Structure formats: structure tokens, C-alpha cells
Amino acid sequence: MSLEAVKQYFAQYDMEHRIMVLERSTATVEEAAKAHRVDPDQIGKTLAFKLGEQPILIVVAGNAKIDNRKYKSVFAKKAKMLNQNEALEYTGHAIGGVCPFGLSGPIDVYLDITLKKYSEIIPAAGCHNSSIRLSIDELERFSNYKSWVDVCK
């Protein structure tokens, strides 16, 4: 269902044909980087957090890790990741396919500056073996991002 939601989302832009569904898993950064033959930082890893009672998504470079001090300075709260069930409930995507596209409801999306290392990023597309290659401009446009942030080490 989740892959279908992402396909429907991109269909409105006539871009669903750009979604790649592979035979092998791309659920982890390492698997995705190997499958796409790219540096792990070119993989757009979508992290799901709870900010108060509201979920948020932050897309970061594949090897990036959240810096709790930076996160708190941007969001004025301690970083609290969604668990597996919450991520599925809020986004409609299971862990390994979480992305800022085809979401089950409105969620604020942020893009971390670690993504700016490459001109193209490959985020997941709704399931454990799907992804889409996007330019930074396309990622901004199609993620409906709220702002760029600097929350990683």
C-alpha cells in the first residue's frame, strides 16, 4: 500500500515512472548505497520524530547522525524518534521505506544541510526495496519541506 501511495503522489507530477523497485532490499543506507552504486551519503535517510504531540520528518544524508544539542537548539525539545508502530501510523510507511512522499497525513518535513553534498539524492519511496533519484531542487519541491536545518553531527 505504501509504495502505491508514493506512486499515486508522483503520478500527479507525471513522475511515477522514476520510482525504482529493485529485487534486493534498500531498507538500510548500506543496502541502498550498494544497490544504487553510490556513496552512502547520497542516500536520503528519512528520520521520524515526535515534536511534542506532532510527528516531523527530517531527511538527512545516509551516514549522518542526529546531534542532540543541535536538534534541541532548532526545535527547542529533546529528540524523540518515533517507534516502528508510530512511524507506520503517522506516515503510512513502514521502517525501511519511510519517505516524505505519499504520506497518510500532513507532517512537517525538514531537510538537513548534510544533503547538500550531492546534487542528486536517493530517498526511499514507500517500501523496503523502492527509491527515487531526485535533484536537490526536486527534493525540496516534492517533499514540501518546511525549511533546511542543521541538526546532524
C-alpha atoms as a PDB file:
ATOM      1  CA  MET A   1       0.000   0.000   0.000  1.00  0.00           C
ATOM      2  CA  SER A   2       2.762   2.425   0.906  1.00  0.00           C
ATOM      3  CA  LEU A   3       4.569   2.095  -2.426  1.00  0.00           C
ATOM      4  CA  GLU A   4       1.215   2.628  -4.125  1.00  0.00           C
ATOM      5  CA  ALA A   5       0.678   5.844  -2.145  1.00  0.00           C
ATOM      6  CA  VAL A   6       4.071   7.138  -3.294  1.00  0.00           C
ATOM      7  CA  LYS A   7       3.320   6.144  -6.897  1.00  0.00           C
ATOM      8  CA  GLN A   8      -0.014   7.973  -6.733  1.00  0.00           C
ATOM      9  CA  TYR A   9       1.704  11.006  -5.229  1.00  0.00           C
ATOM     10  CA  PHE A  10       4.258  11.193  -8.039  1.00  0.00           C
ATOM     11  CA  ALA A  11       1.636  10.397 -10.710  1.00  0.00           C
ATOM     12  CA  GLN A  12       0.169  13.868 -10.241  1.00  0.00           C
ATOM     13  CA  TYR A  13       3.536  15.204 -11.500  1.00  0.00           C
ATOM     14  CA  ASP A  14       3.872  12.522 -14.220  1.00  0.00           C
ATOM     15  CA  MET A  15       6.916  11.162 -12.378  1.00  0.00           C
ATOM     16  CA  GLU A  16       5.782   7.770 -11.092  1.00  0.00           C
ATOM     17  CA  HIS A  17       7.915   6.112 -13.799  1.00  0.00           C
ATOM     18  CA  ARG A  18      11.034   7.390 -11.972  1.00  0.00           C
ATOM     19  CA  ILE A  19      10.350   5.225  -8.915  1.00  0.00           C
ATOM     20  CA  MET A  20      12.778   2.325  -8.859  1.00  0.00           C
ATOM     21  CA  VAL A  21      11.641  -1.014  -7.426  1.00  0.00           C
ATOM     22  CA  LEU A  22      14.559  -3.372  -7.022  1.00  0.00           C
ATOM     23  CA  GLU A  23      14.682  -7.103  -6.387  1.00  0.00           C
ATOM     24  CA  ARG A  24      17.022  -6.549  -3.438  1.00  0.00           C
ATOM     25  CA  SER A  25      16.347  -4.612  -0.257  1.00  0.00           C
ATOM     26  CA  THR A  26      17.254  -0.942   0.002  1.00  0.00           C
ATOM     27  CA  ALA A  27      15.877  -0.662   3.550  1.00  0.00           C
ATOM     28  CA  THR A  28      19.204   0.339   5.105  1.00  0.00           C
ATOM     29  CA  VAL A  29      21.595   3.022   3.944  1.00  0.00           C
ATOM     30  CA  GLU A  30      24.263   0.388   3.270  1.00  0.00           C
ATOM     31  CA  GLU A  31      21.902  -1.772   1.202  1.00  0.00           C
ATOM     32  CA  ALA A  32      20.614   1.229  -0.758  1.00  0.00           C
ATOM     33  CA  ALA A  33      24.097   2.600  -1.458  1.00  0.00           C
ATOM     34  CA  LYS A  34      25.278  -0.805  -2.669  1.00  0.00           C
ATOM     35  CA  ALA A  35      22.176  -1.361  -4.819  1.00  0.00           C
ATOM     36  CA  HIS A  36      22.478   2.068  -6.455  1.00  0.00           C
ATOM     37  CA  ARG A  37      26.291   2.033  -6.574  1.00  0.00           C
ATOM     38  CA  VAL A  38      26.585   5.393  -4.813  1.00  0.00           C
ATOM     39  CA  ASP A  39      28.230   6.810  -1.723  1.00  0.00           C
ATOM     40  CA  PRO A  40      26.082   6.174   1.377  1.00  0.00           C
ATOM     41  CA  ASP A  41      25.725   9.935   1.926  1.00  0.00           C
ATOM     42  CA  GLN A  42      23.868  10.177  -1.394  1.00  0.00           C
ATOM     43  CA  ILE A  43      21.063   8.119   0.141  1.00  0.00           C
ATOM     44  CA  GLY A  44      18.373  10.344   1.655  1.00  0.00           C
ATOM     45  CA  LYS A  45      17.578   8.801   5.043  1.00  0.00           C
ATOM     46  CA  THR A  46      14.207   9.946   6.423  1.00  0.00           C
ATOM     47  CA  LEU A  47      14.067  10.044  10.211  1.00  0.00           C
ATOM     48  CA  ALA A  48      10.742  10.324  12.041  1.00  0.00           C
ATOM     49  CA  PHE A  49      10.464  12.208  15.330  1.00  0.00           C
ATOM     50  CA  LYS A  50       7.762  13.359  17.688  1.00  0.00           C
ATOM     51  CA  LEU A  51       7.885  17.078  18.465  1.00  0.00           C
ATOM     52  CA  GLY A  52       5.508  17.422  21.385  1.00  0.00           C
ATOM     53  CA  GLU A  53       2.495  15.526  20.105  1.00  0.00           C
ATOM     54  CA  GLN A  54       3.200  16.186  16.421  1.00  0.00           C
ATOM     55  CA  PRO A  55       5.320  13.963  14.173  1.00  0.00           C
ATOM     56  CA  ILE A  56       8.014  15.515  11.996  1.00  0.00           C
ATOM     57  CA  LEU A  57      10.314  14.074   9.345  1.00  0.00           C
ATOM     58  CA  ILE A  58      13.913  15.070   8.785  1.00  0.00           C
ATOM     59  CA  VAL A  59      15.682  13.881   5.636  1.00  0.00           C
ATOM     60  CA  VAL A  60      19.434  13.587   6.220  1.00  0.00           C
ATOM     61  CA  ALA A  61      22.437  12.214   4.329  1.00  0.00           C
ATOM     62  CA  GLY A  62      22.856   8.466   4.693  1.00  0.00           C
ATOM     63  CA  ASN A  63      25.736   8.402   7.182  1.00  0.00           C
ATOM     64  CA  ALA A  64      24.574  11.444   9.153  1.00  0.00           C
ATOM     65  CA  LYS A  65      23.641  11.102  12.805  1.00  0.00           C
ATOM     66  CA  ILE A  66      21.446  13.467  14.794  1.00  0.00           C
ATOM     67  CA  ASP A  67      23.358  15.809  17.104  1.00  0.00           C
ATOM     68  CA  ASN A  68      21.088  16.145  20.135  1.00  0.00           C
ATOM     69  CA  ARG A  69      22.424  19.597  21.032  1.00  0.00           C
ATOM     70  CA  LYS A  70      21.817  20.942  17.514  1.00  0.00           C
ATOM     71  CA  TYR A  71      18.378  19.304  17.361  1.00  0.00           C
ATOM     72  CA  LYS A  72      17.363  20.910  20.644  1.00  0.00           C
ATOM     73  CA  SER A  73      18.636  24.324  19.528  1.00  0.00           C
ATOM     74  CA  VAL A  74      16.481  24.132  16.374  1.00  0.00           C
ATOM     75  CA  PHE A  75      13.327  22.512  17.778  1.00  0.00           C
ATOM     76  CA  ALA A  76      13.564  23.545  21.479  1.00  0.00           C
ATOM     77  CA  LYS A  77      12.901  19.942  22.518  1.00  0.00           C
ATOM     78  CA  LYS A  78      14.913  16.782  23.025  1.00  0.00           C
ATOM     79  CA  ALA A  79      14.994  14.458  20.001  1.00  0.00           C
ATOM     80  CA  LYS A  80      12.491  11.625  20.409  1.00  0.00           C
ATOM     81  CA  MET A  81      12.278   9.207  17.498  1.00  0.00           C
ATOM     82  CA  LEU A  82       9.018   7.527  16.603  1.00  0.00           C
ATOM     83  CA  ASN A  83       8.927   3.804  17.208  1.00  0.00           C
ATOM     84  CA  GLN A  84       8.126   1.362  14.403  1.00  0.00           C
ATOM     85  CA  ASN A  85       4.362   1.408  15.011  1.00  0.00           C
ATOM     86  CA  GLU A  86       4.187   5.194  15.352  1.00  0.00           C
ATOM     87  CA  ALA A  87       6.184   5.704  12.153  1.00  0.00           C
ATOM     88  CA  LEU A  88       3.770   3.475  10.242  1.00  0.00           C
ATOM     89  CA  GLU A  89       0.730   5.118  11.851  1.00  0.00           C
ATOM     90  CA  TYR A  90       1.808   8.709  11.153  1.00  0.00           C
ATOM     91  CA  THR A  91       3.460   8.302   7.749  1.00  0.00           C
ATOM     92  CA  GLY A  92       1.754   5.260   6.250  1.00  0.00           C
ATOM     93  CA  HIS A  93       5.231   3.851   5.519  1.00  0.00           C
ATOM     94  CA  ALA A  94       6.997   1.037   7.351  1.00  0.00           C
ATOM     95  CA  ILE A  95      10.568   1.443   8.598  1.00  0.00           C
ATOM     96  CA  GLY A  96      12.896   0.905   5.637  1.00  0.00           C
ATOM     97  CA  GLY A  97      10.518   2.736   3.299  1.00  0.00           C
ATOM     98  CA  VAL A  98       9.785   5.920   5.260  1.00  0.00           C
ATOM     99  CA  CYS A  99       9.955   8.938   2.981  1.00  0.00           C
ATOM    100  CA  PRO A 100       8.373  12.394   2.742  1.00  0.00           C
ATOM    101  CA  PHE A 101       6.140  11.413  -0.204  1.00  0.00           C
ATOM    102  CA  GLY A 102       2.633   9.920  -0.268  1.00  0.00           C
ATOM    103  CA  LEU A 103       2.165  10.459   3.444  1.00  0.00           C
ATOM    104  CA  SER A 104      -1.024   9.367   5.178  1.00  0.00           C
ATOM    105  CA  GLY A 105      -1.488  12.845   6.645  1.00  0.00           C
ATOM    106  CA  PRO A 106       0.165  16.246   6.903  1.00  0.00           C
ATOM    107  CA  ILE A 107       3.604  16.143   8.530  1.00  0.00           C
ATOM    108  CA  ASP A 108       6.208  18.897   8.646  1.00  0.00           C
ATOM    109  CA  VAL A 109       9.280  17.878   6.667  1.00  0.00           C
ATOM    110  CA  TYR A 110      12.751  19.300   7.181  1.00  0.00           C
ATOM    111  CA  LEU A 111      15.862  18.799   5.070  1.00  0.00           C
ATOM    112  CA  ASP A 112      19.239  18.657   6.785  1.00  0.00           C
ATOM    113  CA  ILE A 113      22.174  20.505   5.239  1.00  0.00           C
ATOM    114  CA  THR A 114      24.130  17.224   5.082  1.00  0.00           C
ATOM    115  CA  LEU A 115      22.138  16.520   1.897  1.00  0.00           C
ATOM    116  CA  LYS A 116      23.802  19.420   0.063  1.00  0.00           C
ATOM    117  CA  LYS A 117      26.991  17.402  -0.509  1.00  0.00           C
ATOM    118  CA  TYR A 118      25.475  15.939  -3.704  1.00  0.00           C
ATOM    119  CA  SER A 119      23.334  17.395  -6.485  1.00  0.00           C
ATOM    120  CA  GLU A 120      21.155  14.256  -6.506  1.00  0.00           C
ATOM    121  CA  ILE A 121      19.754  12.324  -3.552  1.00  0.00           C
ATOM    122  CA  ILE A 122      18.120   8.885  -3.494  1.00  0.00           C
ATOM    123  CA  PRO A 123      15.440   8.640  -0.790  1.00  0.00           C
ATOM    124  CA  ALA A 124      13.164   5.661  -0.182  1.00  0.00           C
ATOM    125  CA  ALA A 125       9.824   5.524  -1.965  1.00  0.00           C
ATOM    126  CA  GLY A 126       7.469   3.818   0.451  1.00  0.00           C
ATOM    127  CA  CYS A 127       8.751   0.274   0.843  1.00  0.00           C
ATOM    128  CA  HIS A 128      11.902  -1.696   1.658  1.00  0.00           C
ATOM    129  CA  ASN A 129      13.051  -2.014  -1.957  1.00  0.00           C
ATOM    130  CA  SER A 130      11.882   1.168  -3.655  1.00  0.00           C
ATOM    131  CA  SER A 131      13.517   4.549  -4.128  1.00  0.00           C
ATOM    132  CA  ILE A 132      13.603   7.582  -6.375  1.00  0.00           C
ATOM    133  CA  ARG A 133      16.546   9.665  -7.601  1.00  0.00           C
ATOM    134  CA  LEU A 134      15.870  13.397  -7.209  1.00  0.00           C
ATOM    135  CA  SER A 135      17.849  16.583  -7.638  1.00  0.00           C
ATOM    136  CA  ILE A 136      18.044  18.806  -4.567  1.00  0.00           C
ATOM    137  CA  ASP A 137      15.524  21.176  -6.220  1.00  0.00           C
ATOM    138  CA  GLU A 138      13.153  18.252  -6.833  1.00  0.00           C
ATOM    139  CA  LEU A 139      13.593  17.007  -3.273  1.00  0.00           C
ATOM    140  CA  GLU A 140      12.668  20.467  -2.000  1.00  0.00           C
ATOM    141  CA  ARG A 141       9.639  20.661  -4.260  1.00  0.00           C
ATOM    142  CA  PHE A 142       8.229  17.167  -3.812  1.00  0.00           C
ATOM    143  CA  SER A 143       8.922  16.803  -0.096  1.00  0.00           C
ATOM    144  CA  ASN A 144       7.001  20.023   0.594  1.00  0.00           C
ATOM    145  CA  TYR A 145       9.760  20.796   3.072  1.00  0.00           C
ATOM    146  CA  LYS A 146       9.269  23.464   5.701  1.00  0.00           C
ATOM    147  CA  SER A 147      12.926  24.518   5.956  1.00  0.00           C
ATOM    148  CA  TRP A 148      16.550  23.493   5.812  1.00  0.00           C
ATOM    149  CA  VAL A 149      18.023  22.649   9.207  1.00  0.00           C
ATOM    150  CA  ASP A 150      21.442  21.837  10.656  1.00  0.00           C
ATOM    151  CA  VAL A 151      20.790  19.061  13.185  1.00  0.00           C
ATOM    152  CA  CYS A 152      23.445  16.444  12.384  1.00  0.00           C
ATOM    153  CA  LYS A 153      26.988  15.768  13.571  1.00  0.00           C
END
